[in-house]
């Protein structure tokens, strides 16, 4: 039994709770983190990148389940909604077909490493051309 105030800074309690929740986290959350871990923060798109990661990892295993999506900004606004994964009438929209089309593993595997100087040059070019006619 730990008092509420003391629990906020209790590293032992934190470690115990994380340990106890690890299997549940791995089953429910980890599949949606594979893509964001490799791409990084995309701000607004992050929630949809997590959804794409979940579909890529679980696919048709999501059928009959609900997926909770939650996004919050740096201010006081947040959005939470659920999606119901079901078998569609048209096979083009099946989770397995979506999984094949988004091809997360293939897309990540085809990335080409570039030196940081390339990124800096692209940022400089964007800055120079931003707002210019034809940009």
Protein backbone atom coordinates (compact mmCIF):
# COMPACT_ATOMS: atom_id res chain seq x y z
CA UNK A 1 0.00 0.00 0.00
CA UNK A 2 1.54 3.27 -1.15
CA UNK A 3 0.01 6.68 -0.53
CA UNK A 4 -1.05 8.50 -3.69
CA UNK A 5 1.48 11.34 -3.37
CA UNK A 6 4.32 8.91 -2.66
CA UNK A 7 3.28 6.73 -5.61
CA UNK A 8 3.91 9.57 -8.07
CA UNK A 9 7.67 9.41 -7.46
CA UNK A 10 8.04 5.73 -6.53
CA UNK A 11 10.40 4.26 -9.13
CA UNK A 12 9.98 0.75 -7.71
CA UNK A 13 6.21 0.94 -8.12
CA UNK A 14 6.66 2.30 -11.64
CA UNK A 15 8.95 -0.60 -12.57
CA UNK A 16 6.52 -3.14 -11.08
CA UNK A 17 3.54 -1.69 -12.96
CA UNK A 18 5.48 -1.59 -16.24
CA UNK A 19 6.56 -5.19 -15.71
CA UNK A 20 3.01 -6.31 -14.99
CA UNK A 21 1.64 -4.48 -18.05
CA UNK A 22 4.40 -5.53 -20.49
CA UNK A 23 2.60 -8.55 -22.01
CA UNK A 24 -0.63 -6.59 -22.44
CA UNK A 25 1.28 -3.70 -24.01
CA UNK A 26 3.07 -6.07 -26.40
CA UNK A 27 -0.24 -7.62 -27.47
CA UNK A 28 -2.34 -4.45 -27.77
CA UNK A 29 -0.03 -1.53 -28.49
CA UNK A 30 3.32 -2.71 -29.85
CA UNK A 31 1.96 -3.76 -33.28
CA UNK A 32 0.92 -0.14 -33.91
CA UNK A 33 4.39 1.20 -33.07
CA UNK A 34 6.51 -0.62 -35.64
CA UNK A 35 6.20 2.00 -38.38
CA UNK A 36 6.38 5.11 -36.16
CA UNK A 37 9.54 3.75 -34.51
CA UNK A 38 11.30 3.57 -37.88
CA UNK A 39 9.92 6.78 -39.39
CA UNK A 40 9.70 9.10 -36.41
CA UNK A 41 7.16 11.69 -35.38
CA UNK A 42 4.92 12.93 -38.19
CA UNK A 43 2.74 15.04 -35.91
CA UNK A 44 -0.83 14.98 -37.29
CA UNK A 45 -0.14 11.94 -39.46
CA UNK A 46 1.19 9.94 -36.51
CA UNK A 47 -2.19 8.48 -35.56
CA UNK A 48 -2.72 7.25 -39.12
CA UNK A 49 0.83 5.93 -39.33
CA UNK A 50 0.10 3.95 -36.18
CA UNK A 51 -3.06 2.60 -37.80
CA UNK A 52 -1.11 1.63 -40.93
CA UNK A 53 1.45 -0.10 -38.73
CA UNK A 54 -1.30 -2.00 -36.92
CA UNK A 55 -2.88 -3.16 -40.19
CA UNK A 56 0.56 -4.16 -41.52
CA UNK A 57 1.34 -6.18 -38.39
CA UNK A 58 -2.06 -7.74 -37.64
CA UNK A 59 -4.02 -7.59 -40.92
CA UNK A 60 -7.14 -9.75 -40.93
CA UNK A 61 -6.53 -10.53 -37.26
CA UNK A 62 -8.26 -7.21 -36.60
CA UNK A 63 -11.59 -8.39 -38.06
CA UNK A 64 -14.34 -8.24 -35.49
CA UNK A 65 -12.29 -5.99 -33.22
CA UNK A 66 -12.43 -2.30 -32.43
CA UNK A 67 -9.38 -0.04 -32.65
CA UNK A 68 -9.10 3.02 -30.42
CA UNK A 69 -7.31 5.99 -31.97
CA UNK A 70 -6.25 8.92 -29.82
CA UNK A 71 -4.41 12.04 -30.89
CA UNK A 72 -3.50 15.10 -28.89
CA UNK A 73 -1.78 18.30 -29.84
CA UNK A 74 0.48 20.58 -27.89
CA UNK A 75 -2.48 22.62 -26.71
CA UNK A 76 -5.75 21.67 -25.09
CA UNK A 77 -7.25 19.81 -28.07
CA UNK A 78 -7.44 16.05 -28.37
CA UNK A 79 -9.40 13.63 -30.51
CA UNK A 80 -10.37 10.06 -29.74
CA UNK A 81 -12.44 7.72 -31.86
CA UNK A 82 -12.82 4.03 -32.56
CA UNK A 83 -12.83 2.07 -35.78
CA UNK A 84 -14.63 -1.23 -36.16
CA UNK A 85 -12.67 -3.68 -38.29
CA UNK A 86 -15.02 -5.87 -40.29
CA UNK A 87 -15.05 -7.90 -43.47
CA UNK A 88 -16.06 -5.57 -46.31
CA UNK A 89 -18.54 -6.37 -49.07
CA UNK A 90 -15.87 -5.59 -51.67
CA UNK A 91 -12.63 -7.60 -51.33
CA UNK A 92 -10.64 -4.61 -52.58
CA UNK A 93 -11.19 -3.05 -49.17
CA UNK A 94 -10.27 -6.10 -47.07
CA UNK A 95 -7.67 -5.68 -44.36
CA UNK A 96 -5.46 -8.18 -46.14
CA UNK A 97 -5.66 -6.22 -49.39
CA UNK A 98 -4.95 -2.96 -47.59
CA UNK A 99 -2.01 -4.68 -45.90
CA UNK A 100 -0.62 -5.74 -49.30
CA UNK A 101 -1.15 -2.31 -50.86
CA UNK A 102 0.52 -0.31 -48.09
CA UNK A 103 3.45 -2.79 -48.09
CA UNK A 104 5.06 -1.23 -45.03
CA UNK A 105 8.00 -3.66 -44.92
CA UNK A 106 8.74 -3.20 -48.62
CA UNK A 107 8.53 0.57 -48.45
CA UNK A 108 10.75 0.77 -45.40
CA UNK A 109 13.17 -1.68 -46.96
CA UNK A 110 13.47 0.41 -50.12
CA UNK A 111 14.52 3.58 -48.32
CA UNK A 112 17.91 4.96 -49.34
CA UNK A 113 20.22 6.45 -46.75
CA UNK A 114 21.34 9.97 -47.62
CA UNK A 115 23.90 12.18 -45.94
CA UNK A 116 22.59 14.93 -43.69
CA UNK A 117 23.93 17.46 -46.21
CA UNK A 118 21.25 16.31 -48.70
CA UNK A 119 18.53 17.06 -46.16
CA UNK A 120 20.06 20.46 -45.38
CA UNK A 121 20.26 21.30 -49.09
CA UNK A 122 16.58 20.33 -49.57
CA UNK A 123 15.58 22.55 -46.62
CA UNK A 124 17.64 25.44 -48.01
CA UNK A 125 16.02 25.04 -51.44
CA UNK A 126 12.54 24.99 -49.90
CA UNK A 127 13.32 28.10 -47.88
CA UNK A 128 14.62 29.91 -50.98
CA UNK A 129 11.62 28.98 -53.13
CA UNK A 130 8.81 29.14 -50.59
CA UNK A 131 6.13 31.55 -51.74
CA UNK A 132 7.85 32.15 -55.07
CA UNK A 133 5.78 31.95 -58.27
CA UNK A 134 5.53 28.42 -59.61
CA UNK A 135 6.51 26.79 -56.32
